[in-house]
Amino acid sequence: MGLRKCPDCGREVSDKAPACPYCGRPIATGDSQQPTQLEGTAKSLKLQGCLAALLAVVGIIMAVGAASASGPQTGMGVTGVLLFLVAMVWGTVTRIRRWWRHG
């Protein structure tokens, strides 16, 4: 029977224990790679959500800038609105994927 550190609280826990007795975190046994895969998926989906939000902000800035500028800026306004709409769809799909994978 060996000891290993709990990833959350850092205390030493038996490698046979199903969970840390101090903080309650489940301890993976065997060659289970599922927690690593879930963390990688979550990071990827969080990055996509951030990029969608950034695209939405850029779209709003372009649309408002084109609306307040004098001269023929209608192309920039339409492009800004389209960027905003694409960002909203992308963000919504990303939120659904995060919910679907992580409950």
PDB file of N, CA and C in Angstrom:
ATOM      1  N   MET A   1       0.852  -1.175   0.000  1.00  0.00           N
ATOM      2  CA  MET A   1       0.000   0.000   0.000  1.00  0.00           C
ATOM      3  C   MET A   1       0.896   1.235   0.000  1.00  0.00           C
ATOM      4  N   GLY A   2       0.697   2.105  -0.979  1.00  0.00           N
ATOM      5  CA  GLY A   2       1.498   3.303  -1.085  1.00  0.00           C
ATOM      6  C   GLY A   2       0.687   4.554  -0.798  1.00  0.00           C
ATOM      7  N   LEU A   3       1.395   5.638  -0.691  1.00  0.00           N
ATOM      8  CA  LEU A   3       0.756   6.928  -0.469  1.00  0.00           C
ATOM      9  C   LEU A   3       1.017   7.828  -1.659  1.00  0.00           C
ATOM     10  N   ARG A   4       0.054   8.680  -1.942  1.00  0.00           N
ATOM     11  CA  ARG A   4       0.242   9.692  -2.976  1.00  0.00           C
ATOM     12  C   ARG A   4      -0.474  10.960  -2.546  1.00  0.00           C
ATOM     13  N   LYS A   5      -0.099  12.059  -3.175  1.00  0.00           N
ATOM     14  CA  LYS A   5      -0.677  13.348  -2.796  1.00  0.00           C
ATOM     15  C   LYS A   5      -2.016  13.573  -3.472  1.00  0.00           C
ATOM     16  N   CYS A   6      -2.925  14.155  -2.723  1.00  0.00           N
ATOM     17  CA  CYS A   6      -4.218  14.542  -3.272  1.00  0.00           C
ATOM     18  C   CYS A   6      -4.005  15.765  -4.160  1.00  0.00           C
ATOM     19  N   PRO A   7      -4.534  15.786  -5.378  1.00  0.00           N
ATOM     20  CA  PRO A   7      -4.339  16.934  -6.274  1.00  0.00           C
ATOM     21  C   PRO A   7      -4.973  18.228  -5.756  1.00  0.00           C
ATOM     22  N   ASP A   8      -6.006  18.111  -4.914  1.00  0.00           N
ATOM     23  CA  ASP A   8      -6.679  19.320  -4.431  1.00  0.00           C
ATOM     24  C   ASP A   8      -6.042  19.881  -3.158  1.00  0.00           C
ATOM     25  N   CYS A   9      -5.955  19.056  -2.101  1.00  0.00           N
ATOM     26  CA  CYS A   9      -5.480  19.582  -0.815  1.00  0.00           C
ATOM     27  C   CYS A   9      -3.997  19.340  -0.578  1.00  0.00           C
ATOM     28  N   GLY A  10      -3.373  18.439  -1.334  1.00  0.00           N
ATOM     29  CA  GLY A  10      -1.938  18.214  -1.225  1.00  0.00           C
ATOM     30  C   GLY A  10      -1.534  17.275  -0.100  1.00  0.00           C
ATOM     31  N   ARG A  11      -2.472  16.732   0.635  1.00  0.00           N
ATOM     32  CA  ARG A  11      -2.138  15.803   1.718  1.00  0.00           C
ATOM     33  C   ARG A  11      -1.930  14.407   1.157  1.00  0.00           C
ATOM     34  N   GLU A  12      -1.183  13.590   1.918  1.00  0.00           N
ATOM     35  CA  GLU A  12      -0.912  12.231   1.475  1.00  0.00           C
ATOM     36  C   GLU A  12      -2.100  11.334   1.779  1.00  0.00           C
ATOM     37  N   VAL A  13      -2.482  10.550   0.766  1.00  0.00           N
ATOM     38  CA  VAL A  13      -3.650   9.683   0.841  1.00  0.00           C
ATOM     39  C   VAL A  13      -3.239   8.299   0.349  1.00  0.00           C
ATOM     40  N   SER A  14      -3.844   7.283   0.922  1.00  0.00           N
ATOM     41  CA  SER A  14      -3.581   5.918   0.478  1.00  0.00           C
ATOM     42  C   SER A  14      -3.991   5.763  -0.980  1.00  0.00           C
ATOM     43  N   ASP A  15      -3.197   5.020  -1.724  1.00  0.00           N
ATOM     44  CA  ASP A  15      -3.543   4.808  -3.126  1.00  0.00           C
ATOM     45  C   ASP A  15      -4.720   3.849  -3.285  1.00  0.00           C
ATOM     46  N   LYS A  16      -5.152   3.221  -2.220  1.00  0.00           N
ATOM     47  CA  LYS A  16      -6.312   2.335  -2.253  1.00  0.00           C
ATOM     48  C   LYS A  16      -7.606   3.066  -1.890  1.00  0.00           C
ATOM     49  N   ALA A  17      -7.499   4.297  -1.384  1.00  0.00           N
ATOM     50  CA  ALA A  17      -8.688   5.043  -0.979  1.00  0.00           C
ATOM     51  C   ALA A  17      -9.456   5.525  -2.212  1.00  0.00           C
ATOM     52  N   PRO A  18     -10.781   5.385  -2.204  1.00  0.00           N
ATOM     53  CA  PRO A  18     -11.570   5.851  -3.350  1.00  0.00           C
ATOM     54  C   PRO A  18     -11.668   7.372  -3.420  1.00  0.00           C
ATOM     55  N   ALA A  19     -11.496   8.038  -2.256  1.00  0.00           N
ATOM     56  CA  ALA A  19     -11.574   9.504  -2.217  1.00  0.00           C
ATOM     57  C   ALA A  19     -10.657  10.012  -1.108  1.00  0.00           C
ATOM     58  N   CYS A  20     -10.270  11.252  -1.188  1.00  0.00           N
ATOM     59  CA  CYS A  20      -9.433  11.863  -0.163  1.00  0.00           C
ATOM     60  C   CYS A  20     -10.254  12.021   1.115  1.00  0.00           C
ATOM     61  N   PRO A  21      -9.768  11.518   2.255  1.00  0.00           N
ATOM     62  CA  PRO A  21     -10.545  11.640   3.488  1.00  0.00           C
ATOM     63  C   PRO A  21     -10.579  13.076   4.030  1.00  0.00           C
ATOM     64  N   TYR A  22      -9.713  13.939   3.531  1.00  0.00           N
ATOM     65  CA  TYR A  22      -9.646  15.316   4.035  1.00  0.00           C
ATOM     66  C   TYR A  22     -10.559  16.264   3.250  1.00  0.00           C
ATOM     67  N   CYS A  23     -10.501  16.184   1.923  1.00  0.00           N
ATOM     68  CA  CYS A  23     -11.289  17.127   1.117  1.00  0.00           C
ATOM     69  C   CYS A  23     -12.417  16.454   0.341  1.00  0.00           C
ATOM     70  N   GLY A  24     -12.398  15.109   0.245  1.00  0.00           N
ATOM     71  CA  GLY A  24     -13.472  14.392  -0.422  1.00  0.00           C
ATOM     72  C   GLY A  24     -13.304  14.223  -1.918  1.00  0.00           C
ATOM     73  N   ARG A  25     -12.186  14.691  -2.496  1.00  0.00           N
ATOM     74  CA  ARG A  25     -11.977  14.567  -3.940  1.00  0.00           C
ATOM     75  C   ARG A  25     -11.799  13.101  -4.313  1.00  0.00           C
ATOM     76  N   PRO A  26     -12.517  12.622  -5.342  1.00  0.00           N
ATOM     77  CA  PRO A  26     -12.325  11.237  -5.788  1.00  0.00           C
ATOM     78  C   PRO A  26     -10.901  11.037  -6.298  1.00  0.00           C
ATOM     79  N   ILE A  27     -10.309   9.931  -5.904  1.00  0.00           N
ATOM     80  CA  ILE A  27      -8.944   9.606  -6.321  1.00  0.00           C
ATOM     81  C   ILE A  27      -9.045   8.583  -7.442  1.00  0.00           C
ATOM     82  N   ALA A  28      -8.443   8.888  -8.587  1.00  0.00           N
ATOM     83  CA  ALA A  28      -8.466   7.971  -9.735  1.00  0.00           C
ATOM     84  C   ALA A  28      -7.633   6.745  -9.403  1.00  0.00           C
ATOM     85  N   THR A  29      -8.128   5.593  -9.796  1.00  0.00           N
ATOM     86  CA  THR A  29      -7.394   4.351  -9.591  1.00  0.00           C
ATOM     87  C   THR A  29      -7.050   3.749 -10.933  1.00  0.00           C
ATOM     88  N   GLY A  30      -5.973   3.050 -10.995  1.00  0.00           N
ATOM     89  CA  GLY A  30      -5.569   2.378 -12.223  1.00  0.00           C
ATOM     90  C   GLY A  30      -5.076   3.351 -13.272  1.00  0.00           C
ATOM     91  N   ASP A  31      -5.324   3.018 -14.534  1.00  0.00           N
ATOM     92  CA  ASP A  31      -4.852   3.812 -15.661  1.00  0.00           C
ATOM     93  C   ASP A  31      -5.936   4.725 -16.215  1.00  0.00           C
ATOM     94  N   SER A  32      -6.847   5.127 -15.396  1.00  0.00           N
ATOM     95  CA  SER A  32      -7.951   5.967 -15.867  1.00  0.00           C
ATOM     96  C   SER A  32      -7.435   7.333 -16.313  1.00  0.00           C
ATOM     97  N   GLN A  33      -7.696   7.687 -17.559  1.00  0.00           N
ATOM     98  CA  GLN A  33      -7.271   8.977 -18.115  1.00  0.00           C
ATOM     99  C   GLN A  33      -8.452   9.923 -18.272  1.00  0.00           C
ATOM    100  N   GLN A  34      -9.630   9.546 -17.797  1.00  0.00           N
ATOM    101  CA  GLN A  34     -10.826  10.346 -18.005  1.00  0.00           C
ATOM    102  C   GLN A  34     -10.716  11.764 -17.435  1.00  0.00           C
ATOM    103  N   PRO A  35     -10.204  11.993 -16.209  1.00  0.00           N
ATOM    104  CA  PRO A  35     -10.115  13.373 -15.719  1.00  0.00           C
ATOM    105  C   PRO A  35      -9.250  14.265 -16.605  1.00  0.00           C
ATOM    106  N   THR A  36      -8.164  13.740 -17.135  1.00  0.00           N
ATOM    107  CA  THR A  36      -7.315  14.526 -18.013  1.00  0.00           C
ATOM    108  C   THR A  36      -8.055  14.892 -19.294  1.00  0.00           C
ATOM    109  N   GLN A  37      -8.796  13.961 -19.854  1.00  0.00           N
ATOM    110  CA  GLN A  37      -9.544  14.226 -21.073  1.00  0.00           C
ATOM    111  C   GLN A  37     -10.633  15.262 -20.831  1.00  0.00           C
ATOM    112  N   LEU A  38     -11.326  15.185 -19.707  1.00  0.00           N
ATOM    113  CA  LEU A  38     -12.366  16.158 -19.409  1.00  0.00           C
ATOM    114  C   LEU A  38     -11.790  17.554 -19.238  1.00  0.00           C
ATOM    115  N   GLU A  39     -10.631  17.661 -18.565  1.00  0.00           N
ATOM    116  CA  GLU A  39     -10.017  18.966 -18.379  1.00  0.00           C
ATOM    117  C   GLU A  39      -9.599  19.552 -19.720  1.00  0.00           C
ATOM    118  N   GLY A  40      -9.032  18.730 -20.606  1.00  0.00           N
ATOM    119  CA  GLY A  40      -8.648  19.229 -21.924  1.00  0.00           C
ATOM    120  C   GLY A  40      -9.843  19.682 -22.738  1.00  0.00           C
ATOM    121  N   THR A  41     -10.935  18.945 -22.641  1.00  0.00           N
ATOM    122  CA  THR A  41     -12.150  19.321 -23.349  1.00  0.00           C
ATOM    123  C   THR A  41     -12.701  20.621 -22.802  1.00  0.00           C
ATOM    124  N   ALA A  42     -12.715  20.752 -21.505  1.00  0.00           N
ATOM    125  CA  ALA A  42     -13.248  21.961 -20.894  1.00  0.00           C
ATOM    126  C   ALA A  42     -12.417  23.178 -21.300  1.00  0.00           C
ATOM    127  N   LYS A  43     -11.107  23.047 -21.337  1.00  0.00           N
ATOM    128  CA  LYS A  43     -10.257  24.170 -21.729  1.00  0.00           C
ATOM    129  C   LYS A  43     -10.508  24.558 -23.180  1.00  0.00           C
ATOM    130  N   SER A  44     -10.673  23.583 -24.032  1.00  0.00           N
ATOM    131  CA  SER A  44     -10.931  23.864 -25.435  1.00  0.00           C
ATOM    132  C   SER A  44     -12.259  24.603 -25.609  1.00  0.00           C
ATOM    133  N   LEU A  45     -13.277  24.142 -24.895  1.00  0.00           N
ATOM    134  CA  LEU A  45     -14.583  24.778 -25.018  1.00  0.00           C
ATOM    135  C   LEU A  45     -14.590  26.163 -24.381  1.00  0.00           C
ATOM    136  N   LYS A  46     -13.843  26.352 -23.309  1.00  0.00           N
ATOM    137  CA  LYS A  46     -13.741  27.684 -22.702  1.00  0.00           C
ATOM    138  C   LYS A  46     -13.045  28.649 -23.656  1.00  0.00           C
ATOM    139  N   LEU A  47     -12.003  28.175 -24.331  1.00  0.00           N
ATOM    140  CA  LEU A  47     -11.305  29.015 -25.305  1.00  0.00           C
ATOM    141  C   LEU A  47     -12.238  29.401 -26.441  1.00  0.00           C
ATOM    142  N   GLN A  48     -13.033  28.461 -26.918  1.00  0.00           N
ATOM    143  CA  GLN A  48     -13.980  28.778 -27.989  1.00  0.00           C
ATOM    144  C   GLN A  48     -15.019  29.794 -27.526  1.00  0.00           C
ATOM    145  N   GLY A  49     -15.464  29.678 -26.290  1.00  0.00           N
ATOM    146  CA  GLY A  49     -16.411  30.648 -25.750  1.00  0.00           C
ATOM    147  C   GLY A  49     -15.802  32.044 -25.661  1.00  0.00           C
ATOM    148  N   CYS A  50     -14.543  32.121 -25.244  1.00  0.00           N
ATOM    149  CA  CYS A  50     -13.852  33.422 -25.172  1.00  0.00           C
ATOM    150  C   CYS A  50     -13.666  34.020 -26.559  1.00  0.00           C
ATOM    151  N   LEU A  51     -13.315  33.196 -27.528  1.00  0.00           N
ATOM    152  CA  LEU A  51     -13.140  33.703 -28.890  1.00  0.00           C
ATOM    153  C   LEU A  51     -14.466  34.175 -29.480  1.00  0.00           C
ATOM    154  N   ALA A  52     -15.546  33.482 -29.181  1.00  0.00           N
ATOM    155  CA  ALA A  52     -16.858  33.904 -29.655  1.00  0.00           C
ATOM    156  C   ALA A  52     -17.246  35.242 -29.034  1.00  0.00           C
ATOM    157  N   ALA A  53     -16.953  35.424 -27.740  1.00  0.00           N
ATOM    158  CA  ALA A  53     -17.250  36.704 -27.082  1.00  0.00           C
ATOM    159  C   ALA A  53     -16.411  37.824 -27.676  1.00  0.00           C
ATOM    160  N   LEU A  54     -15.144  37.548 -27.959  1.00  0.00           N
ATOM    161  CA  LEU A  54     -14.270  38.557 -28.564  1.00  0.00           C
ATOM    162  C   LEU A  54     -14.774  38.932 -29.956  1.00  0.00           C
ATOM    163  N   LEU A  55     -15.203  37.963 -30.726  1.00  0.00           N
ATOM    164  CA  LEU A  55     -15.744  38.229 -32.057  1.00  0.00           C
ATOM    165  C   LEU A  55     -17.019  39.066 -31.969  1.00  0.00           C
ATOM    166  N   ALA A  56     -17.849  38.803 -30.959  1.00  0.00           N
ATOM    167  CA  ALA A  56     -19.069  39.594 -30.769  1.00  0.00           C
ATOM    168  C   ALA A  56     -18.729  41.046 -30.450  1.00  0.00           C
ATOM    169  N   VAL A  57     -17.731  41.272 -29.609  1.00  0.00           N
ATOM    170  CA  VAL A  57     -17.319  42.644 -29.263  1.00  0.00           C
ATOM    171  C   VAL A  57     -16.787  43.368 -30.490  1.00  0.00           C
ATOM    172  N   VAL A  58     -15.980  42.688 -31.289  1.00  0.00           N
ATOM    173  CA  VAL A  58     -15.447  43.302 -32.513  1.00  0.00           C
ATOM    174  C   VAL A  58     -16.597  43.645 -33.461  1.00  0.00           C
ATOM    175  N   GLY A  59     -17.566  42.762 -33.585  1.00  0.00           N
ATOM    176  CA  GLY A  59     -18.720  43.025 -34.446  1.00  0.00           C
ATOM    177  C   GLY A  59     -19.511  44.234 -33.976  1.00  0.00           C
ATOM    178  N   ILE A  60     -19.720  44.353 -32.666  1.00  0.00           N
ATOM    179  CA  ILE A  60     -20.442  45.502 -32.126  1.00  0.00           C
ATOM    180  C   ILE A  60     -19.678  46.788 -32.385  1.00  0.00           C
ATOM    181  N   ILE A  61     -18.381  46.769 -32.162  1.00  0.00           N
ATOM    182  CA  ILE A  61     -17.554  47.969 -32.387  1.00  0.00           C
ATOM    183  C   ILE A  61     -17.611  48.384 -33.856  1.00  0.00           C
ATOM    184  N   MET A  62     -17.528  47.403 -34.756  1.00  0.00           N
ATOM    185  CA  MET A  62     -17.583  47.732 -36.184  1.00  0.00           C
ATOM    186  C   MET A  62     -18.945  48.306 -36.569  1.00  0.00           C
ATOM    187  N   ALA A  63     -20.027  47.706 -36.060  1.00  0.00           N
ATOM    188  CA  ALA A  63     -21.369  48.176 -36.408  1.00  0.00           C
ATOM    189  C   ALA A  63     -21.637  49.566 -35.843  1.00  0.00           C
ATOM    190  N   VAL A  64     -21.253  49.804 -34.602  1.00  0.00           N
ATOM    191  CA  VAL A  64     -21.471  51.117 -33.983  1.00  0.00           C
ATOM    192  C   VAL A  64     -20.563  52.158 -34.625  1.00  0.00           C
ATOM    193  N   GLY A  65     -19.338  51.787 -34.924  1.00  0.00           N
ATOM    194  CA  GLY A  65     -18.425  52.717 -35.585  1.00  0.00           C
ATOM    195  C   GLY A  65     -18.911  53.127 -36.958  1.00  0.00           C
ATOM    196  N   ALA A  66     -19.468  52.193 -37.690  1.00  0.00           N
ATOM    197  CA  ALA A  66     -19.988  52.500 -39.022  1.00  0.00           C
ATOM    198  C   ALA A  66     -21.249  53.353 -38.930  1.00  0.00           C
ATOM    199  N   ALA A  67     -22.058  53.133 -37.903  1.00  0.00           N
ATOM    200  CA  ALA A  67     -23.297  53.901 -37.752  1.00  0.00           C
ATOM    201  C   ALA A  67     -23.009  55.341 -37.343  1.00  0.00           C
ATOM    202  N   SER A  68     -21.956  55.561 -36.570  1.00  0.00           N
ATOM    203  CA  SER A  68     -21.672  56.914 -36.098  1.00  0.00           C
ATOM    204  C   SER A  68     -20.756  57.691 -37.039  1.00  0.00           C
ATOM    205  N   ALA A  69     -20.103  57.015 -37.975  1.00  0.00           N
ATOM    206  CA  ALA A  69     -19.186  57.702 -38.898  1.00  0.00           C
ATOM    207  C   ALA A  69     -19.971  58.341 -40.039  1.00  0.00           C
ATOM    208  N   SER A  70     -19.454  59.445 -40.509  1.00  0.00           N
ATOM    209  CA  SER A  70     -20.093  60.083 -41.667  1.00  0.00           C
ATOM    210  C   SER A  70     -19.445  59.555 -42.938  1.00  0.00           C
ATOM    211  N   GLY A  71     -20.237  59.368 -43.959  1.00  0.00           N
ATOM    212  CA  GLY A  71     -19.709  58.849 -45.220  1.00  0.00           C
ATOM    213  C   GLY A  71     -20.231  57.462 -45.498  1.00  0.00           C
ATOM    214  N   PRO A  72     -19.817  56.907 -46.618  1.00  0.00           N
ATOM    215  CA  PRO A  72     -20.318  55.582 -47.016  1.00  0.00           C
ATOM    216  C   PRO A  72     -19.618  54.457 -46.247  1.00  0.00           C
ATOM    217  N   GLN A  73     -20.101  54.149 -45.071  1.00  0.00           N
ATOM    218  CA  GLN A  73     -19.531  53.096 -44.238  1.00  0.00           C
ATOM    219  C   GLN A  73     -20.496  51.918 -44.078  1.00  0.00           C
ATOM    220  N   THR A  74     -21.468  51.797 -44.960  1.00  0.00           N
ATOM    221  CA  THR A  74     -22.485  50.760 -44.786  1.00  0.00           C
ATOM    222  C   THR A  74     -21.897  49.355 -44.854  1.00  0.00           C
ATOM    223  N   GLY A  75     -20.848  49.158 -45.634  1.00  0.00           N
ATOM    224  CA  GLY A  75     -20.213  47.841 -45.720  1.00  0.00           C
ATOM    225  C   GLY A  75     -19.648  47.408 -44.383  1.00  0.00           C
ATOM    226  N   MET A  76     -19.043  48.332 -43.642  1.00  0.00           N
ATOM    227  CA  MET A  76     -18.497  48.011 -42.322  1.00  0.00           C
ATOM    228  C   MET A  76     -19.616  47.693 -41.335  1.00  0.00           C
ATOM    229  N   GLY A  77     -20.742  48.407 -41.453  1.00  0.00           N
ATOM    230  CA  GLY A  77     -21.865  48.146 -40.548  1.00  0.00           C
ATOM    231  C   GLY A  77     -22.456  46.778 -40.764  1.00  0.00           C
ATOM    232  N   VAL A  78     -22.640  46.406 -42.016  1.00  0.00           N
ATOM    233  CA  VAL A  78     -23.192  45.087 -42.338  1.00  0.00           C
ATOM    234  C   VAL A  78     -22.218  43.995 -41.903  1.00  0.00           C
ATOM    235  N   THR A  79     -20.939  44.205 -42.140  1.00  0.00           N
ATOM    236  CA  THR A  79     -19.927  43.235 -41.720  1.00  0.00           C
ATOM    237  C   THR A  79     -19.928  43.086 -40.208  1.00  0.00           C
ATOM    238  N   GLY A  80     -20.053  44.202 -39.487  1.00  0.00           N
ATOM    239  CA  GLY A  80     -20.098  44.144 -38.030  1.00  0.00           C
ATOM    240  C   GLY A  80     -21.297  43.370 -37.520  1.00  0.00           C
ATOM    241  N   VAL A  81     -22.442  43.598 -38.122  1.00  0.00           N
ATOM    242  CA  VAL A  81     -23.648  42.871 -37.712  1.00  0.00           C
ATOM    243  C   VAL A  81     -23.504  41.388 -38.007  1.00  0.00           C
ATOM    244  N   LEU A  82     -22.952  41.053 -39.169  1.00  0.00           N
ATOM    245  CA  LEU A  82     -22.746  39.640 -39.499  1.00  0.00           C
ATOM    246  C   LEU A  82     -21.758  38.969 -38.545  1.00  0.00           C
ATOM    247  N   LEU A  83     -20.679  39.675 -38.193  1.00  0.00           N
ATOM    248  CA  LEU A  83     -19.726  39.126 -37.220  1.00  0.00           C
ATOM    249  C   LEU A  83     -20.413  38.879 -35.885  1.00  0.00           C
ATOM    250  N   PHE A  84     -21.234  39.823 -35.466  1.00  0.00           N
ATOM    251  CA  PHE A  84     -21.954  39.667 -34.208  1.00  0.00           C
ATOM    252  C   PHE A  84     -22.880  38.455 -34.249  1.00  0.00           C
ATOM    253  N   LEU A  85     -23.611  38.288 -35.333  1.00  0.00           N
ATOM    254  CA  LEU A  85     -24.522  37.146 -35.446  1.00  0.00           C
ATOM    255  C   LEU A  85     -23.779  35.817 -35.464  1.00  0.00           C
ATOM    256  N   VAL A  86     -22.657  35.770 -36.194  1.00  0.00           N
ATOM    257  CA  VAL A  86     -21.844  34.545 -36.214  1.00  0.00           C
ATOM    258  C   VAL A  86     -21.328  34.245 -34.810  1.00  0.00           C
ATOM    259  N   ALA A  87     -20.897  35.272 -34.090  1.00  0.00           N
ATOM    260  CA  ALA A  87     -20.387  35.078 -32.730  1.00  0.00           C
ATOM    261  C   ALA A  87     -21.487  34.559 -31.804  1.00  0.00           C
ATOM    262  N   MET A  88     -22.706  35.050 -31.965  1.00  0.00           N
ATOM    263  CA  MET A  88     -23.808  34.581 -31.122  1.00  0.00           C
ATOM    264  C   MET A  88     -24.126  33.112 -31.386  1.00  0.00           C
ATOM    265  N   VAL A  89     -24.128  32.711 -32.647  1.00  0.00           N
ATOM    266  CA  VAL A  89     -24.380  31.306 -32.980  1.00  0.00           C
ATOM    267  C   VAL A  89     -23.244  30.438 -32.456  1.00  0.00           C
ATOM    268  N   TRP A  90     -22.002  30.868 -32.673  1.00  0.00           N
ATOM    269  CA  TRP A  90     -20.836  30.109 -32.212  1.00  0.00           C
ATOM    270  C   TRP A  90     -20.862  29.977 -30.687  1.00  0.00           C
ATOM    271  N   GLY A  91     -21.147  31.063 -29.992  1.00  0.00           N
ATOM    272  CA  GLY A  91     -21.216  31.019 -28.536  1.00  0.00           C
ATOM    273  C   GLY A  91     -22.317  30.110 -28.028  1.00  0.00           C
ATOM    274  N   THR A  92     -23.466  30.140 -28.688  1.00  0.00           N
ATOM    275  CA  THR A  92     -24.578  29.285 -28.284  1.00  0.00           C
ATOM    276  C   THR A  92     -24.246  27.810 -28.496  1.00  0.00           C
ATOM    277  N   VAL A  93     -23.656  27.491 -29.635  1.00  0.00           N
ATOM    278  CA  VAL A  93     -23.268  26.105 -29.906  1.00  0.00           C
ATOM    279  C   VAL A  93     -22.220  25.641 -28.892  1.00  0.00           C
ATOM    280  N   THR A  94     -21.279  26.509 -28.549  1.00  0.00           N
ATOM    281  CA  THR A  94     -20.247  26.155 -27.582  1.00  0.00           C
ATOM    282  C   THR A  94     -20.858  25.903 -26.205  1.00  0.00           C
ATOM    283  N   ARG A  95     -21.807  26.735 -25.799  1.00  0.00           N
ATOM    284  CA  ARG A  95     -22.468  26.535 -24.501  1.00  0.00           C
ATOM    285  C   ARG A  95     -23.233  25.210 -24.478  1.00  0.00           C
ATOM    286  N   ILE A  96     -23.883  24.878 -25.578  1.00  0.00           N
ATOM    287  CA  ILE A  96     -24.610  23.604 -25.647  1.00  0.00           C
ATOM    288  C   ILE A  96     -23.628  22.445 -25.577  1.00  0.00           C
ATOM    289  N   ARG A  97     -22.491  22.546 -26.274  1.00  0.00           N
ATOM    290  CA  ARG A  97     -21.499  21.472 -26.229  1.00  0.00           C
ATOM    291  C   ARG A  97     -20.929  21.306 -24.824  1.00  0.00           C
ATOM    292  N   ARG A  98     -20.678  22.424 -24.114  1.00  0.00           N
ATOM    293  CA  ARG A  98     -20.179  22.328 -22.736  1.00  0.00           C
ATOM    294  C   ARG A  98     -21.200  21.658 -21.846  1.00  0.00           C
ATOM    295  N   TRP A  99     -22.458  22.008 -22.005  1.00  0.00           N
ATOM    296  CA  TRP A  99     -23.508  21.394 -21.206  1.00  0.00           C
ATOM    297  C   TRP A  99     -23.619  19.903 -21.526  1.00  0.00           C
ATOM    298  N   TRP A 100     -23.566  19.566 -22.805  1.00  0.00           N
ATOM    299  CA  TRP A 100     -23.732  18.180 -23.234  1.00  0.00           C
ATOM    300  C   TRP A 100     -22.612  17.288 -22.701  1.00  0.00           C
ATOM    301  N   ARG A 101     -21.379  17.778 -22.713  1.00  0.00           N
ATOM    302  CA  ARG A 101     -20.242  16.947 -22.297  1.00  0.00           C
ATOM    303  C   ARG A 101     -20.068  16.893 -20.804  1.00  0.00           C
ATOM    304  N   HIS A 102     -20.456  17.936 -20.092  1.00  0.00           N
ATOM    305  CA  HIS A 102     -20.145  17.996 -18.665  1.00  0.00           C
ATOM    306  C   HIS A 102     -21.364  18.017 -17.768  1.00  0.00           C
ATOM    307  N   GLY A 103     -22.531  17.937 -18.347  1.00  0.00           N
ATOM    308  CA  GLY A 103     -23.732  17.826 -17.556  1.00  0.00           C
ATOM    309  C   GLY A 103     -24.107  19.018 -16.854  1.00  0.00           C
TER     310      GLY A 103
END
